[in-house]
PDB file of all heavy atoms in Angstrom:
ATOM      1  N   VAL A   1      20.367  -8.464  -9.935  1.00  0.00           N
ATOM      2  CA  VAL A   1      19.928  -8.713  -8.595  1.00  0.00           C
ATOM      3  C   VAL A   1      19.631  -7.362  -7.875  1.00  0.00           C
ATOM      4  O   VAL A   1      18.605  -7.177  -7.197  1.00  0.00           O
ATOM      5  CB  VAL A   1      20.927  -9.523  -7.810  1.00  0.00           C
ATOM      6  CG1 VAL A   1      20.578  -9.577  -6.310  1.00  0.00           C
ATOM      7  CG2 VAL A   1      21.037 -10.905  -8.363  1.00  0.00           C
ATOM      8  N   ALA A   2      20.554  -6.406  -8.084  1.00  0.00           N
ATOM      9  CA  ALA A   2      20.349  -5.081  -7.453  1.00  0.00           C
ATOM     10  C   ALA A   2      19.070  -4.327  -7.980  1.00  0.00           C
ATOM     11  O   ALA A   2      18.329  -3.781  -7.227  1.00  0.00           O
ATOM     12  CB  ALA A   2      21.604  -4.210  -7.633  1.00  0.00           C
ATOM     13  N   LEU A   3      18.928  -4.455  -9.261  1.00  0.00           N
ATOM     14  CA  LEU A   3      17.667  -3.834  -9.882  1.00  0.00           C
ATOM     15  C   LEU A   3      16.439  -4.455  -9.385  1.00  0.00           C
ATOM     16  O   LEU A   3      15.386  -3.844  -8.999  1.00  0.00           O
ATOM     17  CB  LEU A   3      17.758  -3.945 -11.425  1.00  0.00           C
ATOM     18  CG  LEU A   3      18.753  -2.954 -12.115  1.00  0.00           C
ATOM     19  CD1 LEU A   3      18.765  -3.274 -13.582  1.00  0.00           C
ATOM     20  CD2 LEU A   3      18.327  -1.466 -11.887  1.00  0.00           C
ATOM     21  N   GLN A   4      16.453  -5.813  -9.269  1.00  0.00           N
ATOM     22  CA  GLN A   4      15.303  -6.550  -8.802  1.00  0.00           C
ATOM     23  C   GLN A   4      15.007  -6.231  -7.361  1.00  0.00           C
ATOM     24  O   GLN A   4      13.795  -5.991  -6.993  1.00  0.00           O
ATOM     25  CB  GLN A   4      15.555  -8.080  -8.962  1.00  0.00           C
ATOM     26  CG  GLN A   4      14.336  -8.913  -8.741  1.00  0.00           C
ATOM     27  CD  GLN A   4      14.538 -10.374  -9.065  1.00  0.00           C
ATOM     28  OE1 GLN A   4      15.532 -10.704  -9.735  1.00  0.00           O
ATOM     29  NE2 GLN A   4      13.691 -11.262  -8.577  1.00  0.00           N
ATOM     30  N   ARG A   5      15.995  -6.179  -6.512  1.00  0.00           N
ATOM     31  CA  ARG A   5      15.801  -5.839  -5.130  1.00  0.00           C
ATOM     32  C   ARG A   5      15.271  -4.468  -4.943  1.00  0.00           C
ATOM     33  O   ARG A   5      14.336  -4.161  -4.074  1.00  0.00           O
ATOM     34  CB  ARG A   5      17.082  -6.043  -4.310  1.00  0.00           C
ATOM     35  CG  ARG A   5      17.585  -7.463  -4.262  1.00  0.00           C
ATOM     36  CD  ARG A   5      16.661  -8.431  -3.581  1.00  0.00           C
ATOM     37  NE  ARG A   5      17.113  -9.810  -3.591  1.00  0.00           N
ATOM     38  CZ  ARG A   5      16.806 -10.692  -4.516  1.00  0.00           C
ATOM     39  NH1 ARG A   5      15.949 -10.347  -5.494  1.00  0.00           N
ATOM     40  NH2 ARG A   5      17.246 -11.929  -4.444  1.00  0.00           N
ATOM     41  N   ALA A   6      15.797  -3.505  -5.666  1.00  0.00           N
ATOM     42  CA  ALA A   6      15.316  -2.142  -5.600  1.00  0.00           C
ATOM     43  C   ALA A   6      13.880  -2.028  -6.087  1.00  0.00           C
ATOM     44  O   ALA A   6      13.114  -1.356  -5.462  1.00  0.00           O
ATOM     45  CB  ALA A   6      16.242  -1.129  -6.417  1.00  0.00           C
ATOM     46  N   GLY A   7      13.564  -2.680  -7.204  1.00  0.00           N
ATOM     47  CA  GLY A   7      12.203  -2.724  -7.670  1.00  0.00           C
ATOM     48  C   GLY A   7      11.267  -3.318  -6.647  1.00  0.00           C
ATOM     49  O   GLY A   7      10.106  -2.837  -6.486  1.00  0.00           O
ATOM     50  N   GLU A   8      11.647  -4.450  -6.012  1.00  0.00           N
ATOM     51  CA  GLU A   8      10.793  -5.056  -4.995  1.00  0.00           C
ATOM     52  C   GLU A   8      10.575  -4.105  -3.841  1.00  0.00           C
ATOM     53  O   GLU A   8       9.460  -4.109  -3.213  1.00  0.00           O
ATOM     54  CB  GLU A   8      11.419  -6.356  -4.555  1.00  0.00           C
ATOM     55  CG  GLU A   8      11.409  -7.491  -5.590  1.00  0.00           C
ATOM     56  CD  GLU A   8      12.083  -8.703  -5.156  1.00  0.00           C
ATOM     57  OE1 GLU A   8      12.758  -8.668  -4.139  1.00  0.00           O
ATOM     58  OE2 GLU A   8      11.936  -9.735  -5.908  1.00  0.00           O
ATOM     59  N   ALA A   9      11.548  -3.386  -3.454  1.00  0.00           N
ATOM     60  CA  ALA A   9      11.447  -2.417  -2.288  1.00  0.00           C
ATOM     61  C   ALA A   9      10.453  -1.318  -2.648  1.00  0.00           C
ATOM     62  O   ALA A   9       9.562  -1.004  -1.817  1.00  0.00           O
ATOM     63  CB  ALA A   9      12.788  -1.854  -1.893  1.00  0.00           C
ATOM     64  N   LEU A  10      10.585  -0.807  -3.934  1.00  0.00           N
ATOM     65  CA  LEU A  10       9.613   0.269  -4.308  1.00  0.00           C
ATOM     66  C   LEU A  10       8.225  -0.289  -4.423  1.00  0.00           C
ATOM     67  O   LEU A  10       7.236   0.399  -4.031  1.00  0.00           O
ATOM     68  CB  LEU A  10      10.091   0.808  -5.657  1.00  0.00           C
ATOM     69  CG  LEU A  10      11.347   1.644  -5.631  1.00  0.00           C
ATOM     70  CD1 LEU A  10      11.747   2.033  -7.075  1.00  0.00           C
ATOM     71  CD2 LEU A  10      11.206   2.846  -4.801  1.00  0.00           C
ATOM     72  N   LEU A  11       8.115  -1.560  -4.969  1.00  0.00           N
ATOM     73  CA  LEU A  11       6.787  -2.123  -5.094  1.00  0.00           C
ATOM     74  C   LEU A  11       6.178  -2.363  -3.742  1.00  0.00           C
ATOM     75  O   LEU A  11       4.944  -2.111  -3.507  1.00  0.00           O
ATOM     76  CB  LEU A  11       6.865  -3.418  -5.854  1.00  0.00           C
ATOM     77  CG  LEU A  11       5.584  -4.238  -6.050  1.00  0.00           C
ATOM     78  CD1 LEU A  11       4.560  -3.480  -6.820  1.00  0.00           C
ATOM     79  CD2 LEU A  11       5.922  -5.602  -6.777  1.00  0.00           C
ATOM     80  N   GLY A  12       6.941  -2.885  -2.812  1.00  0.00           N
ATOM     81  CA  GLY A  12       6.451  -3.164  -1.470  1.00  0.00           C
ATOM     82  C   GLY A  12       5.995  -1.848  -0.837  1.00  0.00           C
ATOM     83  O   GLY A  12       4.959  -1.805  -0.082  1.00  0.00           O
ATOM     84  N   ALA A  13       6.717  -0.746  -1.003  1.00  0.00           N
ATOM     85  CA  ALA A  13       6.341   0.523  -0.435  1.00  0.00           C
ATOM     86  C   ALA A  13       5.098   1.042  -1.008  1.00  0.00           C
ATOM     87  O   ALA A  13       4.235   1.572  -0.278  1.00  0.00           O
ATOM     88  CB  ALA A  13       7.525   1.556  -0.605  1.00  0.00           C
ATOM     89  N   ALA A  14       4.887   0.845  -2.352  1.00  0.00           N
ATOM     90  CA  ALA A  14       3.676   1.307  -2.946  1.00  0.00           C
ATOM     91  C   ALA A  14       2.513   0.526  -2.505  1.00  0.00           C
ATOM     92  O   ALA A  14       1.460   1.075  -2.235  1.00  0.00           O
ATOM     93  CB  ALA A  14       3.834   1.214  -4.460  1.00  0.00           C
ATOM     94  N   VAL A  15       2.710  -0.804  -2.404  1.00  0.00           N
ATOM     95  CA  VAL A  15       1.568  -1.585  -1.886  1.00  0.00           C
ATOM     96  C   VAL A  15       1.209  -1.240  -0.441  1.00  0.00           C
ATOM     97  O   VAL A  15       0.016  -1.152  -0.133  1.00  0.00           O
ATOM     98  CB  VAL A  15       1.939  -3.130  -1.994  1.00  0.00           C
ATOM     99  CG1 VAL A  15       0.915  -4.030  -1.274  1.00  0.00           C
ATOM    100  CG2 VAL A  15       2.094  -3.543  -3.457  1.00  0.00           C
ATOM    101  N   ALA A  16       2.240  -1.053   0.409  1.00  0.00           N
ATOM    102  CA  ALA A  16       1.946  -0.721   1.761  1.00  0.00           C
ATOM    103  C   ALA A  16       1.197   0.673   1.865  1.00  0.00           C
ATOM    104  O   ALA A  16       0.274   0.803   2.673  1.00  0.00           O
ATOM    105  CB  ALA A  16       3.259  -0.616   2.533  1.00  0.00           C
ATOM    106  N   ALA A  17       1.624   1.583   1.020  1.00  0.00           N
ATOM    107  CA  ALA A  17       0.987   2.906   1.088  1.00  0.00           C
ATOM    108  C   ALA A  17      -0.525   2.784   0.659  1.00  0.00           C
ATOM    109  O   ALA A  17      -1.409   3.366   1.272  1.00  0.00           O
ATOM    110  CB  ALA A  17       1.677   3.862   0.147  1.00  0.00           C
ATOM    111  N   ASN A  18      -0.803   2.002  -0.382  1.00  0.00           N
ATOM    112  CA  ASN A  18      -2.153   1.783  -0.816  1.00  0.00           C
ATOM    113  C   ASN A  18      -2.954   1.029   0.240  1.00  0.00           C
ATOM    114  O   ASN A  18      -4.146   1.375   0.498  1.00  0.00           O
ATOM    115  CB  ASN A  18      -2.205   1.006  -2.123  1.00  0.00           C
ATOM    116  CG  ASN A  18      -1.976   1.945  -3.302  1.00  0.00           C
ATOM    117  OD1 ASN A  18      -2.879   2.597  -3.777  1.00  0.00           O
ATOM    118  ND2 ASN A  18      -0.750   1.961  -3.770  1.00  0.00           N
ATOM    119  N   LEU A  19      -2.371   0.090   0.910  1.00  0.00           N
ATOM    120  CA  LEU A  19      -3.093  -0.670   1.988  1.00  0.00           C
ATOM    121  C   LEU A  19      -3.465   0.272   3.072  1.00  0.00           C
ATOM    122  O   LEU A  19      -4.596   0.202   3.640  1.00  0.00           O
ATOM    123  CB  LEU A  19      -2.152  -1.736   2.547  1.00  0.00           C
ATOM    124  CG  LEU A  19      -2.012  -2.986   1.676  1.00  0.00           C
ATOM    125  CD1 LEU A  19      -1.049  -3.936   2.410  1.00  0.00           C
ATOM    126  CD2 LEU A  19      -3.334  -3.677   1.472  1.00  0.00           C
ATOM    127  N   ILE A  20      -2.538   1.189   3.430  1.00  0.00           N
ATOM    128  CA  ILE A  20      -2.822   2.113   4.545  1.00  0.00           C
ATOM    129  C   ILE A  20      -3.963   3.080   4.194  1.00  0.00           C
ATOM    130  O   ILE A  20      -4.874   3.306   4.960  1.00  0.00           O
ATOM    131  CB  ILE A  20      -1.563   2.949   4.905  1.00  0.00           C
ATOM    132  CG1 ILE A  20      -0.514   1.977   5.524  1.00  0.00           C
ATOM    133  CG2 ILE A  20      -1.867   4.050   5.859  1.00  0.00           C
ATOM    134  CD1 ILE A  20       0.807   2.554   5.705  1.00  0.00           C
ATOM    135  N   VAL A  21      -3.917   3.583   2.906  1.00  0.00           N
ATOM    136  CA  VAL A  21      -4.990   4.505   2.512  1.00  0.00           C
ATOM    137  C   VAL A  21      -6.334   3.855   2.476  1.00  0.00           C
ATOM    138  O   VAL A  21      -7.354   4.399   2.972  1.00  0.00           O
ATOM    139  CB  VAL A  21      -4.644   5.121   1.131  1.00  0.00           C
ATOM    140  CG1 VAL A  21      -5.766   5.917   0.541  1.00  0.00           C
ATOM    141  CG2 VAL A  21      -3.365   6.011   1.238  1.00  0.00           C
ATOM    142  N   VAL A  22      -6.397   2.647   1.913  1.00  0.00           N
ATOM    143  CA  VAL A  22      -7.672   1.924   1.780  1.00  0.00           C
ATOM    144  C   VAL A  22      -8.094   1.550   3.159  1.00  0.00           C
ATOM    145  O   VAL A  22      -9.334   1.637   3.472  1.00  0.00           O
ATOM    146  CB  VAL A  22      -7.486   0.732   0.882  1.00  0.00           C
ATOM    147  CG1 VAL A  22      -8.747  -0.177   0.873  1.00  0.00           C
ATOM    148  CG2 VAL A  22      -7.173   1.109  -0.547  1.00  0.00           C
ATOM    149  N   GLY A  23      -7.203   1.064   3.979  1.00  0.00           N
ATOM    150  CA  GLY A  23      -7.631   0.647   5.365  1.00  0.00           C
ATOM    151  C   GLY A  23      -8.185   1.796   6.200  1.00  0.00           C
ATOM    152  O   GLY A  23      -9.148   1.673   6.850  1.00  0.00           O
ATOM    153  N   ILE A  24      -7.501   2.950   6.082  1.00  0.00           N
ATOM    154  CA  ILE A  24      -7.953   4.117   6.842  1.00  0.00           C
ATOM    155  C   ILE A  24      -9.295   4.611   6.322  1.00  0.00           C
ATOM    156  O   ILE A  24     -10.201   4.921   7.091  1.00  0.00           O
ATOM    157  CB  ILE A  24      -6.909   5.276   6.727  1.00  0.00           C
ATOM    158  CG1 ILE A  24      -5.644   4.912   7.482  1.00  0.00           C
ATOM    159  CG2 ILE A  24      -7.460   6.558   7.232  1.00  0.00           C
ATOM    160  CD1 ILE A  24      -4.488   5.941   7.388  1.00  0.00           C
ATOM    161  N   SER A  25      -9.470   4.581   5.002  1.00  0.00           N
ATOM    162  CA  SER A  25     -10.753   4.951   4.409  1.00  0.00           C
ATOM    163  C   SER A  25     -11.863   4.084   4.818  1.00  0.00           C
ATOM    164  O   SER A  25     -12.965   4.539   5.205  1.00  0.00           O
ATOM    165  CB  SER A  25     -10.633   4.920   2.864  1.00  0.00           C
ATOM    166  OG  SER A  25      -9.636   5.847   2.432  1.00  0.00           O
ATOM    167  N   LEU A  26     -11.603   2.735   4.845  1.00  0.00           N
ATOM    168  CA  LEU A  26     -12.700   1.870   5.322  1.00  0.00           C
ATOM    169  C   LEU A  26     -12.960   2.085   6.761  1.00  0.00           C
ATOM    170  O   LEU A  26     -14.109   1.944   7.216  1.00  0.00           O
ATOM    171  CB  LEU A  26     -12.264   0.394   4.990  1.00  0.00           C
ATOM    172  CG  LEU A  26     -12.289  -0.009   3.542  1.00  0.00           C
ATOM    173  CD1 LEU A  26     -11.708  -1.437   3.381  1.00  0.00           C
ATOM    174  CD2 LEU A  26     -13.711  -0.002   2.993  1.00  0.00           C
ATOM    175  N   GLY A  27     -11.941   2.231   7.569  1.00  0.00           N
ATOM    176  CA  GLY A  27     -12.170   2.404   8.998  1.00  0.00           C
ATOM    177  C   GLY A  27     -12.850   3.716   9.349  1.00  0.00           C
ATOM    178  O   GLY A  27     -13.626   3.751  10.266  1.00  0.00           O
ATOM    179  N   ALA A  28     -12.672   4.749   8.485  1.00  0.00           N
ATOM    180  CA  ALA A  28     -13.226   6.054   8.715  1.00  0.00           C
ATOM    181  C   ALA A  28     -14.698   6.070   8.310  1.00  0.00           C
ATOM    182  O   ALA A  28     -15.506   6.630   9.057  1.00  0.00           O
ATOM    183  CB  ALA A  28     -12.472   7.094   8.005  1.00  0.00           C
ATOM    184  N   TYR A  29     -14.994   5.500   7.161  1.00  0.00           N
ATOM    185  CA  TYR A  29     -16.407   5.629   6.647  1.00  0.00           C
ATOM    186  C   TYR A  29     -17.198   4.350   6.738  1.00  0.00           C
ATOM    187  O   TYR A  29     -18.380   4.416   6.391  1.00  0.00           O
ATOM    188  CB  TYR A  29     -16.344   6.092   5.189  1.00  0.00           C
ATOM    189  CG  TYR A  29     -15.818   7.520   5.076  1.00  0.00           C
ATOM    190  CD1 TYR A  29     -14.511   7.770   4.738  1.00  0.00           C
ATOM    191  CD2 TYR A  29     -16.651   8.607   5.254  1.00  0.00           C
ATOM    192  CE1 TYR A  29     -13.965   9.024   4.556  1.00  0.00           C
ATOM    193  CE2 TYR A  29     -16.214   9.866   5.149  1.00  0.00           C
ATOM    194  CZ  TYR A  29     -14.864  10.153   4.811  1.00  0.00           C
ATOM    195  OH  TYR A  29     -14.413  11.401   4.665  1.00  0.00           O
ATOM    196  N   GLY A  30     -16.605   3.184   7.094  1.00  0.00           N
ATOM    197  CA  GLY A  30     -17.392   2.003   7.332  1.00  0.00           C
ATOM    198  C   GLY A  30     -18.088   1.475   6.065  1.00  0.00           C
ATOM    199  O   GLY A  30     -17.508   1.472   4.959  1.00  0.00           O
ATOM    200  N   THR A  31     -19.358   1.139   6.255  1.00  0.00           N
ATOM    201  CA  THR A  31     -20.097   0.574   5.059  1.00  0.00           C
ATOM    202  C   THR A  31     -20.253   1.564   3.918  1.00  0.00           C
ATOM    203  O   THR A  31     -20.376   1.141   2.755  1.00  0.00           O
ATOM    204  CB  THR A  31     -21.465   0.139   5.596  1.00  0.00           C
ATOM    205  OG1 THR A  31     -22.129   1.230   6.196  1.00  0.00           O
ATOM    206  CG2 THR A  31     -21.351  -0.987   6.565  1.00  0.00           C
ATOM    207  N   ARG A  32     -20.242   2.861   4.212  1.00  0.00           N
ATOM    208  CA  ARG A  32     -20.317   3.836   3.095  1.00  0.00           C
ATOM    209  C   ARG A  32     -19.161   3.665   2.140  1.00  0.00           C
ATOM    210  O   ARG A  32     -19.343   3.770   0.973  1.00  0.00           O
ATOM    211  CB  ARG A  32     -20.389   5.240   3.755  1.00  0.00           C
ATOM    212  CG  ARG A  32     -20.623   6.323   2.674  1.00  0.00           C
ATOM    213  CD  ARG A  32     -20.698   7.683   3.345  1.00  0.00           C
ATOM    214  NE  ARG A  32     -21.047   8.739   2.410  1.00  0.00           N
ATOM    215  CZ  ARG A  32     -21.013  10.083   2.665  1.00  0.00           C
ATOM    216  NH1 ARG A  32     -20.650  10.433   3.841  1.00  0.00           N
ATOM    217  NH2 ARG A  32     -21.348  10.927   1.720  1.00  0.00           N
ATOM    218  N   MET A  33     -17.980   3.464   2.655  1.00  0.00           N
ATOM    219  CA  MET A  33     -16.798   3.201   1.915  1.00  0.00           C
ATOM    220  C   MET A  33     -16.848   1.860   1.178  1.00  0.00           C
ATOM    221  O   MET A  33     -16.378   1.681   0.025  1.00  0.00           O
ATOM    222  CB  MET A  33     -15.531   3.324   2.683  1.00  0.00           C
ATOM    223  CG  MET A  33     -14.284   3.410   1.848  1.00  0.00           C
ATOM    224  SD  MET A  33     -14.200   4.885   0.821  1.00  0.00           S
ATOM    225  CE  MET A  33     -12.952   4.364  -0.384  1.00  0.00           C
TER     226      MET A  33
END
């Protein structure tokens, strides 16, 4: 359970980081991105 929860936290953080990068990129460059 502890390993699973820790893994989920890391996975959630990685997904959130990628969402932010992709979202900022799309917002900055629009249709070009």
